[in-house]
Amino acid sequence: MPRLRIQRATWPRPALILTDTPRPDCRNCEGIGGIEHLYGHPETGEYDGSDWEPCPCWREDRRWTLMPLPRLPRRRRPATEPWAASGYSDEPPF
């Protein structure tokens, strides 16, 4: 049975979504939703990256959009200098 929760998504546009969550009592992933496998460089043994294996107790792709949210308009800074309103100045820079 899926464990659902409401989340705010930002991509591709702001929205409220209903999404599945991992089981908190899962013995494989301990409620994280997957297992991270770290691996090293074959010659030096240095950290070379990681791989994520999703746990069967959780499906990342199980989500439904409930309501799109409006985009907030960008704020414009008020012009504090007289030349800032026009975008250029005829005065020398020194």
C-alpha atoms as a PDB file:
ATOM      1  CA  MET A   1       0.000   0.000   0.000  1.00  0.00           C
ATOM      2  CA  PRO A   2       1.485   3.405  -0.931  1.00  0.00           C
ATOM      3  CA  ARG A   3       2.244   5.994   1.755  1.00  0.00           C
ATOM      4  CA  LEU A   4       1.166   9.304   0.242  1.00  0.00           C
ATOM      5  CA  ARG A   5       2.169  12.864   1.176  1.00  0.00           C
ATOM      6  CA  ILE A   6       1.755  16.335  -0.312  1.00  0.00           C
ATOM      7  CA  GLN A   7       4.895  18.028  -1.636  1.00  0.00           C
ATOM      8  CA  ARG A   8       5.757  21.238  -3.478  1.00  0.00           C
ATOM      9  CA  ALA A   9       7.403  20.684  -6.853  1.00  0.00           C
ATOM     10  CA  THR A  10       9.391  23.353  -8.682  1.00  0.00           C
ATOM     11  CA  TRP A  11      10.042  21.713 -12.047  1.00  0.00           C
ATOM     12  CA  PRO A  12       8.742  21.962 -14.806  1.00  0.00           C
ATOM     13  CA  ARG A  13       6.516  24.502 -13.073  1.00  0.00           C
ATOM     14  CA  PRO A  14       5.521  25.147  -9.456  1.00  0.00           C
ATOM     15  CA  ALA A  15       2.789  22.777  -8.282  1.00  0.00           C
ATOM     16  CA  LEU A  16       1.489  20.791  -5.346  1.00  0.00           C
ATOM     17  CA  ILE A  17       1.911  17.080  -5.964  1.00  0.00           C
ATOM     18  CA  LEU A  18       0.802  13.921  -4.205  1.00  0.00           C
ATOM     19  CA  THR A  19       3.759  11.542  -4.016  1.00  0.00           C
ATOM     20  CA  ASP A  20       4.667   8.150  -2.623  1.00  0.00           C
ATOM     21  CA  THR A  21       7.132   7.879   0.295  1.00  0.00           C
ATOM     22  CA  PRO A  22       9.386   4.996   1.345  1.00  0.00           C
ATOM     23  CA  ARG A  23       8.262   2.688   4.148  1.00  0.00           C
ATOM     24  CA  PRO A  24       9.939   3.884   7.368  1.00  0.00           C
ATOM     25  CA  ASP A  25      10.263   0.311   8.698  1.00  0.00           C
ATOM     26  CA  CYS A  26      11.860  -1.151   5.541  1.00  0.00           C
ATOM     27  CA  ARG A  27      14.778  -3.470   6.380  1.00  0.00           C
ATOM     28  CA  ASN A  28      16.533  -2.965   3.035  1.00  0.00           C
ATOM     29  CA  CYS A  29      16.764   0.841   2.885  1.00  0.00           C
ATOM     30  CA  GLU A  30      15.882   1.784   6.494  1.00  0.00           C
ATOM     31  CA  GLY A  31      13.277   4.290   5.251  1.00  0.00           C
ATOM     32  CA  ILE A  32      15.580   6.204   2.900  1.00  0.00           C
ATOM     33  CA  GLY A  33      14.081   4.830  -0.314  1.00  0.00           C
ATOM     34  CA  GLY A  34      17.177   3.296  -1.821  1.00  0.00           C
ATOM     35  CA  ILE A  35      20.708   2.068  -1.305  1.00  0.00           C
ATOM     36  CA  GLU A  36      23.734   4.136  -2.303  1.00  0.00           C
ATOM     37  CA  HIS A  37      26.708   2.185  -3.643  1.00  0.00           C
ATOM     38  CA  LEU A  38      30.004   4.058  -3.440  1.00  0.00           C
ATOM     39  CA  TYR A  39      32.778   2.943  -5.749  1.00  0.00           C
ATOM     40  CA  GLY A  40      36.403   3.845  -6.174  1.00  0.00           C
ATOM     41  CA  HIS A  41      38.856   4.225  -9.039  1.00  0.00           C
ATOM     42  CA  PRO A  42      40.249   0.793 -10.008  1.00  0.00           C
ATOM     43  CA  GLU A  43      43.903   1.897  -9.925  1.00  0.00           C
ATOM     44  CA  THR A  44      44.102   4.495  -7.150  1.00  0.00           C
ATOM     45  CA  GLY A  45      41.214   3.455  -4.933  1.00  0.00           C
ATOM     46  CA  GLU A  46      40.068   7.086  -4.665  1.00  0.00           C
ATOM     47  CA  TYR A  47      36.358   7.922  -4.557  1.00  0.00           C
ATOM     48  CA  ASP A  48      35.063   7.872  -8.121  1.00  0.00           C
ATOM     49  CA  GLY A  49      31.331   8.323  -7.691  1.00  0.00           C
ATOM     50  CA  SER A  50      28.244   6.579  -6.456  1.00  0.00           C
ATOM     51  CA  ASP A  51      25.292   4.680  -7.827  1.00  0.00           C
ATOM     52  CA  TRP A  52      21.732   4.745  -6.467  1.00  0.00           C
ATOM     53  CA  GLU A  53      19.659   1.587  -6.380  1.00  0.00           C
ATOM     54  CA  PRO A  54      15.990   2.329  -5.576  1.00  0.00           C
ATOM     55  CA  CYS A  55      14.323   0.093  -3.012  1.00  0.00           C
ATOM     56  CA  PRO A  56      11.211  -1.924  -4.025  1.00  0.00           C
ATOM     57  CA  CYS A  57       9.295  -0.400  -1.081  1.00  0.00           C
ATOM     58  CA  TRP A  58       9.131   2.949  -2.908  1.00  0.00           C
ATOM     59  CA  ARG A  59       8.422   4.049  -6.459  1.00  0.00           C
ATOM     60  CA  GLU A  60       9.908   7.436  -7.361  1.00  0.00           C
ATOM     61  CA  ASP A  61       7.718   7.818 -10.445  1.00  0.00           C
ATOM     62  CA  ARG A  62       4.455   7.487  -8.508  1.00  0.00           C
ATOM     63  CA  ARG A  63       3.269  11.118  -8.287  1.00  0.00           C
ATOM     64  CA  TRP A  64       0.204  13.076  -9.273  1.00  0.00           C
ATOM     65  CA  THR A  65      -0.179  16.817  -9.757  1.00  0.00           C
ATOM     66  CA  LEU A  66      -2.901  18.177  -7.494  1.00  0.00           C
ATOM     67  CA  MET A  67      -2.799  21.876  -8.272  1.00  0.00           C
ATOM     68  CA  PRO A  68      -0.476  24.100 -10.298  1.00  0.00           C
ATOM     69  CA  LEU A  69       0.819  27.097  -8.358  1.00  0.00           C
ATOM     70  CA  PRO A  70       1.081  30.592  -9.849  1.00  0.00           C
ATOM     71  CA  ARG A  71       4.496  31.910 -10.747  1.00  0.00           C
ATOM     72  CA  LEU A  72       5.516  34.942  -8.769  1.00  0.00           C
ATOM     73  CA  PRO A  73       6.461  38.011 -10.806  1.00  0.00           C
ATOM     74  CA  ARG A  74      10.093  39.035 -10.683  1.00  0.00           C
ATOM     75  CA  ARG A  75      10.824  42.061  -8.571  1.00  0.00           C
ATOM     76  CA  ARG A  76      12.527  45.005 -10.137  1.00  0.00           C
ATOM     77  CA  ARG A  77      14.926  47.007  -8.071  1.00  0.00           C
ATOM     78  CA  PRO A  78      14.011  50.661  -7.733  1.00  0.00           C
ATOM     79  CA  ALA A  79      16.319  53.060  -9.517  1.00  0.00           C
ATOM     80  CA  THR A  80      18.356  54.826  -6.846  1.00  0.00           C
ATOM     81  CA  GLU A  81      20.554  56.824  -9.204  1.00  0.00           C
ATOM     82  CA  PRO A  82      19.124  59.152 -11.846  1.00  0.00           C
ATOM     83  CA  TRP A  83      21.236  57.518 -14.564  1.00  0.00           C
ATOM     84  CA  ALA A  84      20.105  53.989 -13.551  1.00  0.00           C
ATOM     85  CA  ALA A  85      16.587  54.585 -14.868  1.00  0.00           C
ATOM     86  CA  SER A  86      17.797  55.306 -18.400  1.00  0.00           C
ATOM     87  CA  GLY A  87      20.520  52.633 -18.403  1.00  0.00           C
ATOM     88  CA  TYR A  88      23.440  54.882 -19.341  1.00  0.00           C
ATOM     89  CA  SER A  89      25.182  58.071 -18.322  1.00  0.00           C
ATOM     90  CA  ASP A  90      26.958  60.812 -20.292  1.00  0.00           C
ATOM     91  CA  GLU A  91      29.247  61.677 -17.377  1.00  0.00           C
ATOM     92  CA  PRO A  92      32.873  60.485 -17.401  1.00  0.00           C
ATOM     93  CA  PRO A  93      33.660  57.616 -15.026  1.00  0.00           C
ATOM     94  CA  PHE A  94      36.318  59.552 -13.063  1.00  0.00           C
END
